[in-house]
């Protein structure tokens, strides 16, 4: 049973060139929230209330305070999507390190 995801996270991110603790689960939460606020819900921008509930918040206060500027984003899609190729230039060496580690065992 996995009891502490941080150890696994540190193992993967260290292999990719980050320092232990540099990439945390909070980073993923932040990234998800930012991306989710750029999605559509039945053709309309997703409501901050919806995102707040997905994150377990009782109100929209935190989402609006931290991510309020995301409502101004013009590019929106139906789904939350992360395309590795969009980040290939910035993460090239780290992505290669993960790929090499995955194939060499």
Protein backbone atom coordinates (compact mmCIF):
# COMPACT_ATOMS: atom_id res chain seq x y z
CA UNK A 1 0.00 0.00 0.00
CA UNK A 2 1.30 3.44 -0.89
CA UNK A 3 1.39 5.62 2.20
CA UNK A 4 3.46 8.55 1.03
CA UNK A 5 3.27 9.69 -2.59
CA UNK A 6 6.08 12.18 -2.00
CA UNK A 7 8.73 9.43 -2.06
CA UNK A 8 7.57 8.17 -5.44
CA UNK A 9 7.23 11.71 -6.73
CA UNK A 10 10.76 12.54 -5.60
CA UNK A 11 12.14 9.40 -7.24
CA UNK A 12 10.58 10.26 -10.60
CA UNK A 13 11.37 13.97 -10.54
CA UNK A 14 14.96 13.41 -9.36
CA UNK A 15 15.48 11.03 -12.25
CA UNK A 16 14.22 13.79 -14.56
CA UNK A 17 16.67 16.35 -13.16
CA UNK A 18 14.71 18.20 -10.48
CA UNK A 19 15.79 18.41 -6.86
CA UNK A 20 13.86 16.31 -4.32
CA UNK A 21 10.80 18.26 -3.22
CA UNK A 22 10.97 20.71 -6.12
CA UNK A 23 7.90 19.20 -7.82
CA UNK A 24 5.05 18.55 -5.38
CA UNK A 25 1.48 17.35 -5.55
CA UNK A 26 0.46 20.96 -4.95
CA UNK A 27 2.04 21.86 -8.30
CA UNK A 28 -0.27 19.38 -10.00
CA UNK A 29 -3.28 20.79 -8.16
CA UNK A 30 -2.35 24.31 -9.29
CA UNK A 31 -1.81 23.17 -12.88
CA UNK A 32 -5.11 21.28 -12.92
CA UNK A 33 -7.02 24.25 -11.53
CA UNK A 34 -5.52 26.65 -14.06
CA UNK A 35 -6.25 24.29 -16.93
CA UNK A 36 -9.76 23.46 -15.68
CA UNK A 37 -10.71 27.13 -15.57
CA UNK A 38 -9.82 27.25 -19.27
CA UNK A 39 -12.31 24.52 -20.20
CA UNK A 40 -15.88 24.70 -21.37
CA UNK A 41 -18.97 23.30 -19.69
CA UNK A 42 -21.71 22.69 -22.26
CA UNK A 43 -20.20 25.36 -24.50
CA UNK A 44 -19.79 28.02 -21.78
CA UNK A 45 -16.72 28.75 -19.65
CA UNK A 46 -16.63 26.44 -16.66
CA UNK A 47 -17.90 28.16 -13.51
CA UNK A 48 -15.48 28.91 -10.66
CA UNK A 49 -18.06 27.28 -8.37
CA UNK A 50 -17.69 24.00 -10.30
CA UNK A 51 -13.91 24.08 -9.98
CA UNK A 52 -14.08 25.02 -6.30
CA UNK A 53 -16.31 22.01 -5.62
CA UNK A 54 -13.97 19.72 -7.58
CA UNK A 55 -11.13 20.88 -5.33
CA UNK A 56 -13.17 20.34 -2.17
CA UNK A 57 -13.73 24.01 -1.33
CA UNK A 58 -17.03 25.17 0.14
CA UNK A 59 -16.92 28.53 -1.60
CA UNK A 60 -15.32 30.12 -4.64
CA UNK A 61 -13.24 32.56 -2.57
CA UNK A 62 -9.89 30.75 -2.95
CA UNK A 63 -10.41 29.96 -6.63
CA UNK A 64 -11.41 33.53 -7.43
CA UNK A 65 -8.58 35.05 -5.39
CA UNK A 66 -5.78 32.86 -6.73
CA UNK A 67 -7.07 32.06 -10.21
CA UNK A 68 -9.45 34.93 -10.96
CA UNK A 69 -7.33 36.10 -13.87
CA UNK A 70 -7.93 32.78 -15.63
CA UNK A 71 -11.46 33.90 -16.47
CA UNK A 72 -9.94 36.30 -18.98
CA UNK A 73 -8.28 33.51 -20.97
CA UNK A 74 -9.65 33.35 -24.50
CA UNK A 75 -8.47 29.90 -25.50
CA UNK A 76 -10.79 27.28 -24.09
CA UNK A 77 -11.47 23.67 -24.88
CA UNK A 78 -13.89 20.94 -23.93
CA UNK A 79 -11.30 18.97 -21.93
CA UNK A 80 -8.36 19.54 -19.62
CA UNK A 81 -5.39 18.59 -21.76
CA UNK A 82 -1.64 18.60 -21.27
CA UNK A 83 0.31 18.10 -24.47
CA UNK A 84 3.92 17.16 -23.89
CA UNK A 85 4.91 18.60 -27.26
CA UNK A 86 3.80 22.05 -26.04
CA UNK A 87 6.54 21.87 -23.40
CA UNK A 88 9.21 19.93 -25.31
CA UNK A 89 11.51 22.93 -25.77
CA UNK A 90 11.49 23.85 -22.08
CA UNK A 91 11.61 20.30 -20.75
CA UNK A 92 13.58 18.53 -23.47
CA UNK A 93 16.47 17.21 -21.37
CA UNK A 94 14.23 16.25 -18.47
CA UNK A 95 11.75 14.45 -20.69
CA UNK A 96 14.63 12.60 -22.36
CA UNK A 97 15.98 11.57 -18.93
CA UNK A 98 12.59 10.13 -18.00
CA UNK A 99 12.30 8.33 -21.33
CA UNK A 100 15.82 6.92 -21.09
CA UNK A 101 15.21 5.78 -17.51
CA UNK A 102 11.93 4.12 -18.46
CA UNK A 103 13.47 2.16 -21.34
CA UNK A 104 16.66 1.13 -19.56
CA UNK A 105 14.91 -0.22 -16.57
